[in-house]
Amino acid sequence: PMSAITVTWVLHDGAQITAAVAPGTSMMQAAIAANVPRILGDCGGNLACATCHVQVAPEWASRTGPATDMEDPMLDMTEVERGPTSRLSCQIIADPALDGLILHVPA
């Protein structure tokens, strides 16, 4: 079995929450399990809300990839204006290549 990866969420005040995330877990599920504030995942990861908005650290953006065609319009509805590396965290799935991932949680 693949081992868990480490993911860090950086909050708007600079506080950090780091958690071990099992491969195949979405970053939204992981954030909720780690009690990351402002990640709500109201729709359960069905691309029907924008309450799991994160901004991928720039150095990680090439590895997480761009928003999908389904995800893109939802990012226009986020509470905080989207940035160049904005993603819905329900669409980022843990895999070994993302070990050390850093996600910023907008205020």
Protein backbone atom coordinates (compact mmCIF):
# COMPACT_ATOMS: atom_id res chain seq x y z
CA PRO A 1 0.00 0.00 0.00
CA MET A 2 1.11 3.54 -0.72
CA SER A 3 2.01 5.57 2.31
CA ALA A 4 0.30 8.79 3.28
CA ILE A 5 1.56 12.11 1.98
CA THR A 6 2.08 15.27 3.99
CA VAL A 7 -0.07 18.28 3.14
CA THR A 8 0.09 21.73 4.74
CA TRP A 9 -2.71 24.28 4.68
CA VAL A 10 -1.58 27.86 5.30
CA LEU A 11 -4.31 30.03 6.81
CA HIS A 12 -4.73 33.72 6.06
CA ASP A 13 -3.15 34.66 9.41
CA GLY A 14 -0.06 32.58 8.67
CA ALA A 15 -1.03 29.67 10.92
CA GLN A 16 -0.38 26.25 9.40
CA ILE A 17 -2.15 22.93 9.71
CA THR A 18 -0.25 19.88 8.50
CA ALA A 19 -1.77 16.45 8.12
CA ALA A 20 -0.99 13.03 6.73
CA VAL A 21 -3.32 12.30 3.84
CA ALA A 22 -3.98 8.85 2.42
CA PRO A 23 -3.53 8.47 -1.36
CA GLY A 24 -6.84 8.76 -3.18
CA THR A 25 -8.27 11.22 -0.63
CA SER A 26 -9.39 14.59 -1.93
CA MET A 27 -7.84 17.67 -0.37
CA MET A 28 -11.34 18.78 0.65
CA GLN A 29 -11.92 15.55 2.60
CA ALA A 30 -8.48 15.84 4.13
CA ALA A 31 -9.04 19.46 5.14
CA ILE A 32 -12.34 18.64 6.82
CA ALA A 33 -10.73 15.72 8.67
CA ALA A 34 -7.92 18.05 9.82
CA ASN A 35 -10.40 20.74 10.93
CA VAL A 36 -8.99 23.31 8.51
CA PRO A 37 -11.14 26.44 8.91
CA ARG A 38 -12.95 27.89 5.87
CA ILE A 39 -12.92 24.58 3.98
CA LEU A 40 -16.56 23.57 4.17
CA GLY A 41 -17.19 21.28 1.22
CA ASP A 42 -20.91 21.97 1.44
CA CYS A 43 -21.71 19.95 -1.68
CA GLY A 44 -19.61 16.94 -0.71
CA GLY A 45 -17.17 17.30 -3.59
CA ASN A 46 -19.76 17.29 -6.37
CA LEU A 47 -18.58 20.54 -8.00
CA ALA A 48 -21.82 22.23 -6.93
CA CYS A 49 -20.36 24.79 -4.57
CA ALA A 50 -17.14 26.72 -4.13
CA THR A 51 -16.70 26.28 -0.37
CA CYS A 52 -13.47 24.30 -0.65
CA HIS A 53 -11.55 26.98 -2.57
CA VAL A 54 -7.79 26.95 -2.03
CA GLN A 55 -4.88 28.62 -3.73
CA VAL A 56 -2.14 26.15 -4.57
CA ALA A 57 1.33 27.38 -3.62
CA PRO A 58 2.90 28.57 -6.91
CA GLU A 59 5.70 26.01 -6.77
CA TRP A 60 3.07 23.23 -6.64
CA ALA A 61 0.72 24.55 -9.31
CA SER A 62 2.33 22.62 -12.16
CA ARG A 63 1.91 19.37 -10.23
CA THR A 64 -1.72 19.88 -9.24
CA GLY A 65 -2.55 21.11 -12.74
CA PRO A 66 -5.07 23.70 -13.87
CA ALA A 67 -8.73 23.80 -12.96
CA THR A 68 -10.87 21.39 -14.97
CA ASP A 69 -13.56 22.58 -17.38
CA MET A 70 -16.21 21.64 -14.80
CA GLU A 71 -14.33 23.31 -11.97
CA ASP A 72 -13.54 26.56 -13.76
CA PRO A 73 -17.01 28.16 -13.64
CA MET A 74 -17.37 27.28 -9.94
CA LEU A 75 -14.16 29.17 -9.20
CA ASP A 76 -15.88 32.31 -10.47
CA MET A 77 -18.32 31.96 -7.55
CA THR A 78 -15.80 31.72 -4.72
CA GLU A 79 -16.23 34.03 -1.75
CA VAL A 80 -12.66 35.28 -2.17
CA GLU A 81 -11.68 36.35 -5.68
CA ARG A 82 -9.93 33.57 -7.52
CA GLY A 83 -6.23 33.78 -8.13
CA PRO A 84 -3.96 32.27 -10.80
CA THR A 85 -3.52 29.04 -8.81
CA SER A 86 -7.05 28.78 -7.38
CA ARG A 87 -8.52 25.29 -7.32
CA LEU A 88 -11.43 23.57 -5.67
CA SER A 89 -9.73 21.27 -3.21
CA CYS A 90 -12.28 18.50 -3.85
CA GLN A 91 -10.65 18.15 -7.27
CA ILE A 92 -7.09 17.68 -6.00
CA ILE A 93 -6.53 14.02 -5.13
CA ALA A 94 -3.65 12.90 -2.92
CA ASP A 95 -0.99 10.91 -4.67
CA PRO A 96 2.71 10.35 -3.94
CA ALA A 97 3.76 13.08 -6.39
CA LEU A 98 2.04 15.63 -4.15
CA ASP A 99 3.93 14.74 -0.98
CA GLY A 100 4.69 18.06 0.74
CA LEU A 101 1.85 19.94 -1.03
CA ILE A 102 1.16 23.45 0.28
CA LEU A 103 -2.33 24.94 -0.07
CA HIS A 104 -3.28 28.48 0.96
CA VAL A 105 -6.75 29.00 2.43
CA PRO A 106 -8.18 32.39 1.42
CA ALA A 107 -9.57 34.59 4.18
